[in-house]
C-alpha atoms as a PDB file:
ATOM      1  CA  MET A   1     -72.932 109.301  -3.226  1.00  0.00           C
ATOM      2  CA  PRO A   2     -74.582 112.489  -1.882  1.00  0.00           C
ATOM      3  CA  ALA A   3     -72.218 115.377  -1.288  1.00  0.00           C
ATOM      4  CA  ASP A   4     -72.974 115.514   2.410  1.00  0.00           C
ATOM      5  CA  SER A   5     -72.307 111.807   3.031  1.00  0.00           C
ATOM      6  CA  VAL A   6     -69.113 110.431   4.515  1.00  0.00           C
ATOM      7  CA  PRO A   7     -66.909 107.755   2.940  1.00  0.00           C
ATOM      8  CA  PRO A   8     -68.057 104.195   3.637  1.00  0.00           C
ATOM      9  CA  LEU A   9     -66.819 102.743   6.896  1.00  0.00           C
ATOM     10  CA  VAL A  10     -63.771 100.519   6.640  1.00  0.00           C
ATOM     11  CA  ILE A  11     -64.483  97.325   8.590  1.00  0.00           C
ATOM     12  CA  GLU A  12     -61.269  96.499  10.419  1.00  0.00           C
ATOM     13  CA  PRO A  13     -61.493  93.330  12.548  1.00  0.00           C
ATOM     14  CA  PRO A  14     -61.596  92.649  15.370  1.00  0.00           C
ATOM     15  CA  VAL A  15     -64.801  94.603  15.952  1.00  0.00           C
ATOM     16  CA  VAL A  16     -66.701  94.549  19.230  1.00  0.00           C
ATOM     17  CA  GLN A  17     -70.273  95.749  18.738  1.00  0.00           C
ATOM     18  CA  VAL A  18     -72.555  96.551  21.665  1.00  0.00           C
ATOM     19  CA  ALA A  19     -76.240  95.890  20.978  1.00  0.00           C
ATOM     20  CA  ILE A  20     -78.233  98.613  22.737  1.00  0.00           C
ATOM     21  CA  ASP A  21     -81.513  96.731  22.960  1.00  0.00           C
ATOM     22  CA  VAL A  22     -83.321  99.042  25.375  1.00  0.00           C
ATOM     23  CA  LEU A  23     -86.588 100.905  24.854  1.00  0.00           C
ATOM     24  CA  THR A  24     -85.723 104.547  25.456  1.00  0.00           C
ATOM     25  CA  ILE A  25     -83.127 106.968  24.173  1.00  0.00           C
ATOM     26  CA  ASP A  26     -82.177 107.968  27.725  1.00  0.00           C
ATOM     27  CA  ALA A  27     -81.360 104.360  28.592  1.00  0.00           C
ATOM     28  CA  ALA A  28     -79.562 103.937  25.257  1.00  0.00           C
ATOM     29  CA  LEU A  29     -77.305 106.908  25.936  1.00  0.00           C
ATOM     30  CA  ARG A  30     -76.337 105.463  29.323  1.00  0.00           C
ATOM     31  CA  ILE A  31     -75.437 102.130  27.730  1.00  0.00           C
ATOM     32  CA  GLY A  32     -73.619 103.937  24.939  1.00  0.00           C
ATOM     33  CA  GLU A  33     -71.490 105.764  27.487  1.00  0.00           C
ATOM     34  CA  ALA A  34     -70.665 102.490  29.237  1.00  0.00           C
ATOM     35  CA  ALA A  35     -69.784 100.881  25.914  1.00  0.00           C
ATOM     36  CA  CYS A  36     -67.461 103.739  25.015  1.00  0.00           C
ATOM     37  CA  GLN A  37     -65.786 103.567  28.431  1.00  0.00           C
ATOM     38  CA  ALA A  38     -65.255  99.855  27.835  1.00  0.00           C
ATOM     39  CA  GLY A  39     -63.567 100.458  24.476  1.00  0.00           C
ATOM     40  CA  ALA A  40     -66.244  98.979  22.204  1.00  0.00           C
ATOM     41  CA  ASP A  41     -65.878  99.700  18.500  1.00  0.00           C
ATOM     42  CA  TRP A  42     -69.477  99.999  17.223  1.00  0.00           C
ATOM     43  CA  LEU A  43     -72.733 101.029  18.888  1.00  0.00           C
ATOM     44  CA  GLU A  44     -75.905  99.324  17.723  1.00  0.00           C
ATOM     45  CA  ALA A  45     -79.238 101.104  17.790  1.00  0.00           C
ATOM     46  CA  GLY A  46     -81.105  97.895  18.514  1.00  0.00           C
ATOM     47  CA  THR A  47     -84.353  96.807  16.909  1.00  0.00           C
ATOM     48  CA  PRO A  48     -86.369  97.434  20.111  1.00  0.00           C
ATOM     49  CA  LEU A  49     -84.863 100.906  20.483  1.00  0.00           C
ATOM     50  CA  ILE A  50     -85.703 101.908  16.894  1.00  0.00           C
ATOM     51  CA  THR A  51     -89.175 100.357  17.166  1.00  0.00           C
ATOM     52  CA  PHE A  52     -90.103 102.191  20.360  1.00  0.00           C
ATOM     53  CA  GLU A  53     -88.268 105.493  19.788  1.00  0.00           C
ATOM     54  CA  GLY A  54     -88.075 105.733  15.997  1.00  0.00           C
ATOM     55  CA  VAL A  55     -85.187 106.576  13.714  1.00  0.00           C
ATOM     56  CA  ARG A  56     -84.262 109.550  15.890  1.00  0.00           C
ATOM     57  CA  ALA A  57     -82.616 107.019  18.217  1.00  0.00           C
ATOM     58  CA  ILE A  58     -79.990 106.396  15.538  1.00  0.00           C
ATOM     59  CA  GLY A  59     -79.277 110.109  15.359  1.00  0.00           C
ATOM     60  CA  ALA A  60     -79.183 110.476  19.128  1.00  0.00           C
ATOM     61  CA  LEU A  61     -76.418 107.874  19.411  1.00  0.00           C
ATOM     62  CA  ALA A  62     -74.508 109.252  16.423  1.00  0.00           C
ATOM     63  CA  GLN A  63     -74.602 112.789  17.846  1.00  0.00           C
ATOM     64  CA  ALA A  64     -73.733 111.745  21.396  1.00  0.00           C
ATOM     65  CA  PHE A  65     -70.817 109.503  20.371  1.00  0.00           C
ATOM     66  CA  PRO A  66     -69.387 110.928  17.131  1.00  0.00           C
ATOM     67  CA  GLY A  67     -66.259 108.788  17.356  1.00  0.00           C
ATOM     68  CA  LYS A  68     -68.186 105.509  17.246  1.00  0.00           C
ATOM     69  CA  PRO A  69     -69.897 104.118  14.140  1.00  0.00           C
ATOM     70  CA  VAL A  70     -73.594 103.526  14.783  1.00  0.00           C
ATOM     71  CA  LEU A  71     -75.312 100.460  13.334  1.00  0.00           C
ATOM     72  CA  ALA A  72     -79.063 100.641  12.722  1.00  0.00           C
ATOM     73  CA  ASP A  73     -80.482  97.202  13.413  1.00  0.00           C
ATOM     74  CA  PHE A  74     -83.615  97.557  11.298  1.00  0.00           C
ATOM     75  CA  LYS A  75     -83.612  93.891  10.233  1.00  0.00           C
ATOM     76  CA  MET A  76     -85.095  95.111   6.956  1.00  0.00           C
ATOM     77  CA  MET A  77     -87.313  92.854   4.878  1.00  0.00           C
ATOM     78  CA  ASP A  78     -88.972  94.899   2.109  1.00  0.00           C
ATOM     79  CA  GLY A  79     -88.993  98.437   0.733  1.00  0.00           C
ATOM     80  CA  VAL A  80     -85.497  98.649   2.089  1.00  0.00           C
ATOM     81  CA  ALA A  81     -83.851 101.588   0.336  1.00  0.00           C
ATOM     82  CA  LYS A  82     -85.625 104.197   2.470  1.00  0.00           C
ATOM     83  CA  TYR A  83     -84.269 102.645   5.673  1.00  0.00           C
ATOM     84  CA  VAL A  84     -80.710 102.632   4.373  1.00  0.00           C
ATOM     85  CA  LEU A  85     -80.937 106.249   3.198  1.00  0.00           C
ATOM     86  CA  GLU A  86     -82.453 107.329   6.527  1.00  0.00           C
ATOM     87  CA  THR A  87     -79.622 105.602   8.361  1.00  0.00           C
ATOM     88  CA  ALA A  88     -77.212 107.895   6.543  1.00  0.00           C
ATOM     89  CA  ARG A  89     -79.357 110.973   7.203  1.00  0.00           C
ATOM     90  CA  GLN A  90     -79.332 110.171  10.908  1.00  0.00           C
ATOM     91  CA  GLY A  91     -75.556 109.759  10.964  1.00  0.00           C
ATOM     92  CA  GLY A  92     -75.494 105.957  11.084  1.00  0.00           C
ATOM     93  CA  ARG A  93     -72.821 104.058   9.201  1.00  0.00           C
ATOM     94  CA  ILE A  94     -74.195 100.499   9.017  1.00  0.00           C
ATOM     95  CA  ALA A  95     -77.655  98.922   8.592  1.00  0.00           C
ATOM     96  CA  THR A  96     -78.947  95.371   8.784  1.00  0.00           C
ATOM     97  CA  ILE A  97     -81.184  93.380   6.465  1.00  0.00           C
ATOM     98  CA  CYS A  98     -82.581  89.923   7.141  1.00  0.00           C
ATOM     99  CA  SER A  99     -81.005  87.194   5.054  1.00  0.00           C
ATOM    100  CA  VAL A 100     -84.470  85.660   4.575  1.00  0.00           C
ATOM    101  CA  ALA A 101     -85.509  88.776   2.653  1.00  0.00           C
ATOM    102  CA  SER A 102     -85.773  88.390  -1.104  1.00  0.00           C
ATOM    103  CA  ASP A 103     -82.703  88.679  -3.283  1.00  0.00           C
ATOM    104  CA  ALA A 104     -84.376  91.752  -4.798  1.00  0.00           C
ATOM    105  CA  SER A 105     -84.460  93.431  -1.385  1.00  0.00           C
ATOM    106  CA  LEU A 106     -80.850  92.502  -0.706  1.00  0.00           C
ATOM    107  CA  ARG A 107     -79.795  93.993  -4.025  1.00  0.00           C
ATOM    108  CA  ALA A 108     -81.814  97.141  -3.271  1.00  0.00           C
ATOM    109  CA  ALA A 109     -80.188  97.495   0.154  1.00  0.00           C
ATOM    110  CA  VAL A 110     -76.714  97.081  -1.303  1.00  0.00           C
ATOM    111  CA  ALA A 111     -77.441  99.655  -4.024  1.00  0.00           C
ATOM    112  CA  ALA A 112     -78.801 102.171  -1.513  1.00  0.00           C
ATOM    113  CA  GLY A 113     -75.816 101.572   0.748  1.00  0.00           C
ATOM    114  CA  ARG A 114     -73.440 102.317  -2.083  1.00  0.00           C
ATOM    115  CA  GLU A 115     -75.399 105.475  -2.894  1.00  0.00           C
ATOM    116  CA  CYS A 116     -75.178 106.922   0.599  1.00  0.00           C
ATOM    117  CA  GLY A 117     -72.076 105.297   2.092  1.00  0.00           C
ATOM    118  CA  VAL A 118     -73.827 102.901   4.502  1.00  0.00           C
ATOM    119  CA  ARG A 119     -72.429  99.397   4.990  1.00  0.00           C
ATOM    120  CA  ILE A 120     -74.978  96.585   4.706  1.00  0.00           C
ATOM    121  CA  ILE A 121     -74.946  93.589   7.014  1.00  0.00           C
ATOM    122  CA  SER A 122     -77.176  90.572   6.470  1.00  0.00           C
ATOM    123  CA  ASP A 123     -78.546  88.903   9.594  1.00  0.00           C
ATOM    124  CA  LEU A 124     -78.691  85.135   9.118  1.00  0.00           C
ATOM    125  CA  TYR A 125     -81.362  84.672  11.791  1.00  0.00           C
ATOM    126  CA  ALA A 126     -83.831  81.918  10.831  1.00  0.00           C
ATOM    127  CA  ALA A 127     -82.124  81.131   7.520  1.00  0.00           C
ATOM    128  CA  PRO A 128     -83.022  77.495   6.750  1.00  0.00           C
ATOM    129  CA  ASP A 129     -79.443  76.825   5.611  1.00  0.00           C
ATOM    130  CA  GLY A 130     -77.227  79.441   7.246  1.00  0.00           C
ATOM    131  CA  PRO A 131     -73.904  78.675   5.542  1.00  0.00           C
ATOM    132  CA  ARG A 132     -75.506  78.491   2.112  1.00  0.00           C
ATOM    133  CA  ARG A 133     -77.385  81.764   2.621  1.00  0.00           C
ATOM    134  CA  ALA A 134     -74.209  83.415   3.921  1.00  0.00           C
ATOM    135  CA  ARG A 135     -72.488  82.568   0.661  1.00  0.00           C
ATOM    136  CA  GLU A 136     -75.467  83.846  -1.326  1.00  0.00           C
ATOM    137  CA  VAL A 137     -75.852  87.188   0.455  1.00  0.00           C
ATOM    138  CA  ILE A 138     -72.121  87.855   0.245  1.00  0.00           C
ATOM    139  CA  ALA A 139     -72.301  87.142  -3.498  1.00  0.00           C
ATOM    140  CA  LEU A 140     -75.150  89.690  -3.665  1.00  0.00           C
ATOM    141  CA  GLY A 141     -72.781  92.329  -2.303  1.00  0.00           C
ATOM    142  CA  VAL A 142     -73.443  92.710   1.415  1.00  0.00           C
ATOM    143  CA  ASP A 143     -70.479  93.861   3.453  1.00  0.00           C
ATOM    144  CA  SER A 144     -70.826  91.269   6.224  1.00  0.00           C
ATOM    145  CA  ALA A 145     -73.048  88.428   7.428  1.00  0.00           C
ATOM    146  CA  TYR A 146     -73.981  87.804  11.062  1.00  0.00           C
ATOM    147  CA  ILE A 147     -74.707  84.483  12.729  1.00  0.00           C
ATOM    148  CA  HIS A 148     -77.571  85.138  15.128  1.00  0.00           C
ATOM    149  CA  TYR A 149     -79.187  82.828  17.665  1.00  0.00           C
ATOM    150  CA  GLY A 150     -82.206  84.895  18.647  1.00  0.00           C
ATOM    151  CA  ALA A 151     -83.700  85.909  21.975  1.00  0.00           C
ATOM    152  CA  ASP A 152     -86.807  83.744  21.619  1.00  0.00           C
ATOM    153  CA  GLN A 153     -84.681  80.793  20.585  1.00  0.00           C
ATOM    154  CA  ARG A 154     -82.449  81.285  23.602  1.00  0.00           C
ATOM    155  CA  ASN A 155     -85.413  81.605  25.955  1.00  0.00           C
ATOM    156  CA  GLU A 156     -86.729  78.312  24.644  1.00  0.00           C
ATOM    157  CA  ASP A 157     -83.348  76.551  24.605  1.00  0.00           C
ATOM    158  CA  PRO A 158     -80.683  78.434  26.592  1.00  0.00           C
ATOM    159  CA  HIS A 159     -78.185  75.578  26.204  1.00  0.00           C
ATOM    160  CA  HIS A 160     -77.881  75.774  22.415  1.00  0.00           C
ATOM    161  CA  ASP A 161     -74.534  77.067  21.198  1.00  0.00           C
ATOM    162  CA  PRO A 162     -75.014  80.574  19.708  1.00  0.00           C
ATOM    163  CA  LEU A 163     -71.982  80.082  17.473  1.00  0.00           C
ATOM    164  CA  LEU A 164     -74.170  77.740  15.388  1.00  0.00           C
ATOM    165  CA  PHE A 165     -72.441  77.213  11.997  1.00  0.00           C
ATOM    166  CA  LEU A 166     -69.451  79.517  12.434  1.00  0.00           C
ATOM    167  CA  ASN A 167     -67.013  76.806  11.362  1.00  0.00           C
ATOM    168  CA  GLU A 168     -68.778  76.584   7.995  1.00  0.00           C
ATOM    169  CA  CYS A 169     -68.546  80.320   7.301  1.00  0.00           C
ATOM    170  CA  ARG A 170     -64.807  80.767   7.129  1.00  0.00           C
ATOM    171  CA  GLY A 171     -63.179  82.139   4.015  1.00  0.00           C
ATOM    172  CA  LEU A 172     -66.333  83.512   2.393  1.00  0.00           C
ATOM    173  CA  GLY A 173     -64.739  86.783   1.358  1.00  0.00           C
ATOM    174  CA  ALA A 174     -66.480  89.080   3.844  1.00  0.00           C
ATOM    175  CA  PRO A 175     -66.245  89.627   7.614  1.00  0.00           C
ATOM    176  CA  ILE A 176     -68.396  87.259   9.656  1.00  0.00           C
ATOM    177  CA  GLY A 177     -70.076  88.439  12.845  1.00  0.00           C
ATOM    178  CA  VAL A 178     -71.566  86.426  15.698  1.00  0.00           C
ATOM    179  CA  GLY A 179     -74.143  87.461  18.269  1.00  0.00           C
ATOM    180  CA  THR A 180     -73.060  86.311  21.732  1.00  0.00           C
ATOM    181  CA  PHE A 181     -74.402  86.249  25.262  1.00  0.00           C
ATOM    182  CA  SER A 182     -71.277  86.142  27.439  1.00  0.00           C
ATOM    183  CA  VAL A 183     -67.581  86.870  27.623  1.00  0.00           C
ATOM    184  CA  GLU A 184     -66.880  83.192  27.055  1.00  0.00           C
ATOM    185  CA  ASP A 185     -69.079  83.157  23.937  1.00  0.00           C
ATOM    186  CA  GLY A 186     -67.193  86.156  22.586  1.00  0.00           C
ATOM    187  CA  VAL A 187     -63.815  84.545  23.141  1.00  0.00           C
ATOM    188  CA  ARG A 188     -64.905  81.288  21.513  1.00  0.00           C
ATOM    189  CA  ALA A 189     -66.390  83.163  18.557  1.00  0.00           C
ATOM    190  CA  VAL A 190     -63.139  85.017  17.898  1.00  0.00           C
ATOM    191  CA  GLN A 191     -61.123  81.840  18.345  1.00  0.00           C
ATOM    192  CA  GLY A 192     -63.466  80.127  15.892  1.00  0.00           C
ATOM    193  CA  GLY A 193     -62.951  82.704  13.159  1.00  0.00           C
ATOM    194  CA  ALA A 194     -65.402  85.541  13.841  1.00  0.00           C
ATOM    195  CA  ASP A 195     -64.290  88.994  12.738  1.00  0.00           C
ATOM    196  CA  ILE A 196     -67.076  90.852  14.564  1.00  0.00           C
ATOM    197  CA  VAL A 197     -68.602  89.899  17.905  1.00  0.00           C
ATOM    198  CA  VAL A 198     -71.825  91.372  19.231  1.00  0.00           C
ATOM    199  CA  ILE A 199     -72.833  91.567  22.877  1.00  0.00           C
ATOM    200  CA  GLY A 200     -75.902  93.094  24.452  1.00  0.00           C
ATOM    201  CA  VAL A 201     -78.162  91.329  26.912  1.00  0.00           C
ATOM    202  CA  PRO A 202     -77.272  90.263  29.554  1.00  0.00           C
ATOM    203  CA  LEU A 203     -74.078  92.339  29.932  1.00  0.00           C
ATOM    204  CA  ILE A 204     -75.813  95.675  29.320  1.00  0.00           C
ATOM    205  CA  GLN A 205     -78.152  94.835  32.204  1.00  0.00           C
ATOM    206  CA  ALA A 206     -75.304  94.383  34.695  1.00  0.00           C
ATOM    207  CA  SER A 207     -75.028  96.644  37.740  1.00  0.00           C
ATOM    208  CA  ASP A 208     -71.740  97.932  36.320  1.00  0.00           C
ATOM    209  CA  PRO A 209     -72.077  97.449  32.548  1.00  0.00           C
ATOM    210  CA  ALA A 210     -68.863  99.330  31.772  1.00  0.00           C
ATOM    211  CA  ALA A 211     -66.807  96.842  33.801  1.00  0.00           C
ATOM    212  CA  GLU A 212     -68.606  93.836  32.302  1.00  0.00           C
ATOM    213  CA  LEU A 213     -68.212  95.190  28.780  1.00  0.00           C
ATOM    214  CA  ARG A 214     -64.563  96.074  29.374  1.00  0.00           C
ATOM    215  CA  GLU A 215     -63.787  92.453  30.230  1.00  0.00           C
ATOM    216  CA  TYR A 216     -65.568  91.371  27.057  1.00  0.00           C
ATOM    217  CA  VAL A 217     -63.591  93.828  24.910  1.00  0.00           C
ATOM    218  CA  VAL A 218     -60.236  92.945  26.458  1.00  0.00           C
ATOM    219  CA  ARG A 219     -60.677  89.206  26.219  1.00  0.00           C
ATOM    220  CA  ALA A 220     -62.088  89.294  22.686  1.00  0.00           C
ATOM    221  CA  ARG A 221     -59.094  91.306  21.518  1.00  0.00           C
ATOM    222  CA  GLU A 222     -56.688  88.994  23.331  1.00  0.00           C
ATOM    223  CA  ALA A 223     -58.285  86.062  21.512  1.00  0.00           C
ATOM    224  CA  TRP A 224     -57.913  87.892  18.205  1.00  0.00           C
ATOM    225  CA  HIS A 225     -54.226  88.597  18.726  1.00  0.00           C
ATOM    226  CA  ALA A 226     -53.614  85.016  19.816  1.00  0.00           C
ATOM    227  CA  ARG A 227     -55.235  83.871  16.583  1.00  0.00           C
ATOM    228  CA  GLN A 228     -52.923  85.879  14.340  1.00  0.00           C
ATOM    229  CA  PRO A 229     -49.981  84.041  12.716  1.00  0.00           C
END
């Protein structure tokens, strides 16, 4: 691990992650402030933000909110090591790779993450067999796997349950995350076994996102504590 890197992040459930899927750094910093006021645990530099503003968006969030781990949602597919290493250089602590990437890319991401202290999360979006691929990517060494019902899928079928195959992903030896769209989704995900819950749109678009996110954080944590033996 490079001398200037920090120790790998310890993932301590329950984790509430706010997906900052906006297009400008200025807007991202406003959402980041609201997320911090709400008590969120992780800030996500969303795929749209990184695409439109570049990797400097990761650094902007990390510098503005040094107490919050920043996740770089690259959704990597190939040539992945450079993205993981740049995440660390920008001050990010976590990076995502698509589960439909090759096993070679997953191994490369894990190796780069170990080199620079970045946790690797595999996004199960579009995996033909989500539970099976979750087991496989965890065996390949990723630190967590996320169940993700995507934006285009939701636009086409808003009534589909975003928790998808959560029940089949318990006890796999790594924290399981779920992308959600509402407070109720977040509560159900935690009740159903999720260790990490992710919320972005539509709550970050609310007139008072801090209040909306605060309710999400409070109720997700209540569900976690109720779940404990």
